[in-house]
Amino acid sequence: MRLDKFLKISRIIKRRTLAKEVAEQGRITVNGSPAKASTTLSEGDELVIRFGQKLVTVKVNSLRENVRKDEADTLFTIVKEEKLEQ
């Protein structure tokens, strides 16, 4: 599954176009390497996403095409959240 689609389906980022923009800005890494919106994800991958002054590390648990809103958080596990210093 594409990175931008996973971020939308899992509701980490609300819109796919926004997920694409964040990836193009170089704010997402997959398993330590910079990721594009078209990067293919697999189960067990680790994503590091920079949201403003926060770094969020997420582990992909499962990849599903359709998921209900209340089940979206089962697709990933937040490994850690850290605040960035300026």
N, C-alpha and C. Protein backbone atom coordinates (compact mmCIF):
# COMPACT_ATOMS: atom_id res chain seq x y z
N MET A 1 0.84 -1.18 0.00
CA MET A 1 0.00 0.00 0.00
C MET A 1 0.89 1.24 0.00
N ARG A 2 0.45 2.26 -0.72
CA ARG A 2 1.20 3.51 -0.78
C ARG A 2 1.19 4.21 0.58
N LEU A 3 2.25 4.95 0.84
CA LEU A 3 2.39 5.68 2.10
C LEU A 3 1.27 6.68 2.30
N ASP A 4 0.97 7.49 1.28
CA ASP A 4 -0.06 8.52 1.45
C ASP A 4 -1.44 7.91 1.72
N LYS A 5 -1.73 6.79 1.08
CA LYS A 5 -3.01 6.12 1.30
C LYS A 5 -3.09 5.54 2.72
N PHE A 6 -1.99 4.94 3.19
CA PHE A 6 -1.98 4.39 4.55
C PHE A 6 -2.21 5.48 5.59
N LEU A 7 -1.55 6.63 5.42
CA LEU A 7 -1.69 7.72 6.38
C LEU A 7 -3.13 8.22 6.44
N LYS A 8 -3.82 8.22 5.30
CA LYS A 8 -5.21 8.65 5.27
C LYS A 8 -6.13 7.60 5.90
N ILE A 9 -5.98 6.35 5.50
CA ILE A 9 -6.86 5.28 5.99
C ILE A 9 -6.70 5.09 7.50
N SER A 10 -5.46 5.20 7.98
CA SER A 10 -5.21 5.03 9.42
C SER A 10 -5.57 6.28 10.21
N ARG A 11 -5.88 7.37 9.49
CA ARG A 11 -6.27 8.65 10.07
C ARG A 11 -5.15 9.29 10.90
N ILE A 12 -3.90 8.99 10.54
CA ILE A 12 -2.76 9.70 11.13
C ILE A 12 -2.76 11.11 10.55
N ILE A 13 -3.00 11.21 9.23
CA ILE A 13 -3.18 12.49 8.55
C ILE A 13 -4.54 12.43 7.88
N LYS A 14 -5.33 13.50 8.03
CA LYS A 14 -6.74 13.45 7.63
C LYS A 14 -6.99 13.34 6.13
N ARG A 15 -6.17 14.00 5.31
CA ARG A 15 -6.42 13.99 3.87
C ARG A 15 -5.21 13.45 3.12
N ARG A 16 -5.47 12.73 2.04
CA ARG A 16 -4.40 12.13 1.25
C ARG A 16 -3.51 13.19 0.60
N THR A 17 -4.10 14.29 0.16
CA THR A 17 -3.30 15.35 -0.46
C THR A 17 -2.36 15.98 0.56
N LEU A 18 -2.81 16.11 1.78
CA LEU A 18 -1.95 16.64 2.84
C LEU A 18 -0.83 15.66 3.15
N ALA A 19 -1.13 14.37 3.17
CA ALA A 19 -0.10 13.34 3.40
C ALA A 19 0.95 13.39 2.29
N LYS A 20 0.51 13.62 1.07
CA LYS A 20 1.43 13.72 -0.07
C LYS A 20 2.35 14.93 0.09
N GLU A 21 1.78 16.06 0.49
CA GLU A 21 2.59 17.26 0.69
C GLU A 21 3.63 17.08 1.79
N VAL A 22 3.24 16.47 2.89
CA VAL A 22 4.16 16.23 4.01
C VAL A 22 5.32 15.34 3.55
N ALA A 23 5.01 14.31 2.77
CA ALA A 23 6.05 13.41 2.26
C ALA A 23 6.99 14.14 1.30
N GLU A 24 6.44 14.99 0.44
CA GLU A 24 7.26 15.73 -0.51
C GLU A 24 8.20 16.72 0.17
N GLN A 25 7.81 17.20 1.35
CA GLN A 25 8.65 18.12 2.11
C GLN A 25 9.77 17.40 2.85
N GLY A 26 9.82 16.07 2.77
CA GLY A 26 10.88 15.30 3.41
C GLY A 26 10.69 15.14 4.91
N ARG A 27 9.44 15.20 5.38
CA ARG A 27 9.17 15.11 6.81
C ARG A 27 8.80 13.71 7.26
N ILE A 28 8.88 12.72 6.36
CA ILE A 28 8.55 11.34 6.71
C ILE A 28 9.71 10.43 6.31
N THR A 29 10.09 9.53 7.21
CA THR A 29 11.07 8.50 6.87
C THR A 29 10.44 7.13 7.13
N VAL A 30 10.78 6.17 6.28
CA VAL A 30 10.32 4.79 6.44
C VAL A 30 11.56 3.94 6.67
N ASN A 31 11.64 3.31 7.82
CA ASN A 31 12.79 2.48 8.19
C ASN A 31 14.11 3.24 8.03
N GLY A 32 14.10 4.52 8.37
CA GLY A 32 15.33 5.30 8.37
C GLY A 32 15.68 6.01 7.08
N SER A 33 14.96 5.75 6.00
CA SER A 33 15.28 6.43 4.74
C SER A 33 14.12 7.35 4.34
N PRO A 34 14.43 8.50 3.73
CA PRO A 34 13.38 9.44 3.33
C PRO A 34 12.35 8.77 2.41
N ALA A 35 11.08 9.13 2.61
CA ALA A 35 10.01 8.48 1.85
C ALA A 35 9.25 9.46 0.99
N LYS A 36 8.82 8.98 -0.16
CA LYS A 36 7.93 9.73 -1.03
C LYS A 36 6.50 9.24 -0.76
N ALA A 37 5.53 9.96 -1.31
CA ALA A 37 4.12 9.56 -1.13
C ALA A 37 3.86 8.19 -1.76
N SER A 38 4.62 7.84 -2.78
CA SER A 38 4.39 6.58 -3.49
C SER A 38 5.17 5.40 -2.89
N THR A 39 5.90 5.62 -1.81
CA THR A 39 6.66 4.54 -1.17
C THR A 39 5.71 3.42 -0.75
N THR A 40 6.07 2.19 -1.07
CA THR A 40 5.24 1.04 -0.72
C THR A 40 5.55 0.60 0.70
N LEU A 41 4.52 0.48 1.51
CA LEU A 41 4.67 0.05 2.89
C LEU A 41 4.36 -1.43 3.02
N SER A 42 4.96 -2.04 4.04
CA SER A 42 4.60 -3.41 4.38
C SER A 42 4.47 -3.49 5.90
N GLU A 43 3.85 -4.55 6.38
CA GLU A 43 3.65 -4.69 7.82
C GLU A 43 5.00 -4.75 8.54
N GLY A 44 5.08 -4.07 9.69
CA GLY A 44 6.31 -4.04 10.45
C GLY A 44 7.20 -2.85 10.15
N ASP A 45 6.87 -2.07 9.12
CA ASP A 45 7.66 -0.87 8.80
C ASP A 45 7.51 0.16 9.92
N GLU A 46 8.57 0.96 10.09
CA GLU A 46 8.55 2.01 11.10
C GLU A 46 8.61 3.37 10.41
N LEU A 47 7.62 4.20 10.70
CA LEU A 47 7.54 5.53 10.11
C LEU A 47 7.91 6.56 11.17
N VAL A 48 8.69 7.57 10.77
CA VAL A 48 8.97 8.71 11.64
C VAL A 48 8.42 9.93 10.92
N ILE A 49 7.45 10.59 11.55
CA ILE A 49 6.76 11.72 10.93
C ILE A 49 7.00 12.96 11.79
N ARG A 50 7.39 14.06 11.14
CA ARG A 50 7.59 15.32 11.86
C ARG A 50 6.37 16.21 11.67
N PHE A 51 5.65 16.43 12.79
CA PHE A 51 4.50 17.33 12.83
C PHE A 51 4.93 18.57 13.58
N GLY A 52 5.24 19.65 12.89
CA GLY A 52 5.63 20.89 13.56
C GLY A 52 6.79 20.68 14.50
N GLN A 53 6.55 20.78 15.80
CA GLN A 53 7.60 20.63 16.81
C GLN A 53 7.56 19.25 17.47
N LYS A 54 6.97 18.25 16.79
CA LYS A 54 6.84 16.92 17.35
C LYS A 54 7.35 15.87 16.37
N LEU A 55 8.05 14.87 16.89
CA LEU A 55 8.45 13.71 16.09
C LEU A 55 7.64 12.53 16.59
N VAL A 56 6.90 11.88 15.69
CA VAL A 56 6.08 10.73 16.06
C VAL A 56 6.61 9.51 15.33
N THR A 57 6.94 8.47 16.10
CA THR A 57 7.39 7.21 15.53
C THR A 57 6.25 6.21 15.60
N VAL A 58 5.90 5.63 14.44
CA VAL A 58 4.75 4.75 14.31
C VAL A 58 5.18 3.43 13.69
N LYS A 59 4.66 2.31 14.22
CA LYS A 59 4.93 0.99 13.64
C LYS A 59 3.66 0.51 12.94
N VAL A 60 3.80 0.05 11.69
CA VAL A 60 2.66 -0.43 10.91
C VAL A 60 2.31 -1.84 11.37
N ASN A 61 1.07 -2.02 11.86
CA ASN A 61 0.62 -3.34 12.31
C ASN A 61 -0.02 -4.14 11.19
N SER A 62 -0.89 -3.49 10.42
CA SER A 62 -1.56 -4.19 9.32
C SER A 62 -1.93 -3.20 8.24
N LEU A 63 -2.11 -3.73 7.04
CA LEU A 63 -2.49 -2.92 5.88
C LEU A 63 -3.83 -3.43 5.37
N ARG A 64 -4.84 -2.59 5.40
CA ARG A 64 -6.16 -2.97 4.89
C ARG A 64 -6.68 -1.85 4.01
N GLU A 65 -7.38 -2.21 2.95
CA GLU A 65 -7.90 -1.22 2.01
C GLU A 65 -9.02 -0.38 2.60
N ASN A 66 -9.91 -1.00 3.35
CA ASN A 66 -11.04 -0.29 3.95
C ASN A 66 -11.09 -0.59 5.43
N VAL A 67 -11.32 0.45 6.21
CA VAL A 67 -11.40 0.26 7.66
C VAL A 67 -12.38 1.29 8.22
N ARG A 68 -13.14 0.87 9.24
CA ARG A 68 -14.07 1.80 9.88
C ARG A 68 -13.30 2.76 10.77
N LYS A 69 -13.90 3.92 11.01
CA LYS A 69 -13.23 4.97 11.78
C LYS A 69 -12.78 4.48 13.16
N ASP A 70 -13.63 3.72 13.85
CA ASP A 70 -13.28 3.26 15.20
C ASP A 70 -12.23 2.14 15.20
N GLU A 71 -11.96 1.56 14.04
CA GLU A 71 -10.93 0.51 13.96
C GLU A 71 -9.62 1.03 13.37
N ALA A 72 -9.58 2.29 12.97
CA ALA A 72 -8.41 2.84 12.28
C ALA A 72 -7.14 2.78 13.13
N ASP A 73 -7.28 2.95 14.45
CA ASP A 73 -6.09 2.94 15.30
C ASP A 73 -5.50 1.55 15.52
N THR A 74 -6.15 0.51 15.01
CA THR A 74 -5.57 -0.84 15.11
C THR A 74 -4.53 -1.08 14.01
N LEU A 75 -4.49 -0.20 12.99
CA LEU A 75 -3.55 -0.37 11.88
C LEU A 75 -2.12 -0.01 12.26
N PHE A 76 -1.94 0.74 13.35
CA PHE A 76 -0.61 1.18 13.74
C PHE A 76 -0.47 1.26 15.25
N THR A 77 0.77 1.31 15.71
CA THR A 77 1.09 1.50 17.12
C THR A 77 2.05 2.67 17.22
N ILE A 78 1.77 3.61 18.10
CA ILE A 78 2.68 4.72 18.33
C ILE A 78 3.80 4.22 19.24
N VAL A 79 5.03 4.22 18.70
CA VAL A 79 6.19 3.73 19.45
C VAL A 79 6.66 4.81 20.42
N LYS A 80 6.82 6.05 19.90
CA LYS A 80 7.19 7.15 20.77
C LYS A 80 6.83 8.48 20.15
N GLU A 81 6.66 9.46 21.03
CA GLU A 81 6.42 10.84 20.62
C GLU A 81 7.43 11.69 21.36
N GLU A 82 8.12 12.54 20.62
CA GLU A 82 9.08 13.41 21.30
C GLU A 82 8.95 14.83 20.78
N LYS A 83 9.18 15.78 21.66
CA LYS A 83 9.11 17.19 21.31
C LYS A 83 10.48 17.63 20.83
N LEU A 84 10.49 18.41 19.75
CA LEU A 84 11.74 18.93 19.21
C LEU A 84 12.09 20.25 19.87
N GLU A 85 13.36 20.43 20.20
CA GLU A 85 13.84 21.69 20.77
C GLU A 85 14.22 22.63 19.66
N GLN A 86 14.04 23.92 19.88
CA GLN A 86 14.43 24.89 18.87
C GLN A 86 15.75 25.52 19.19
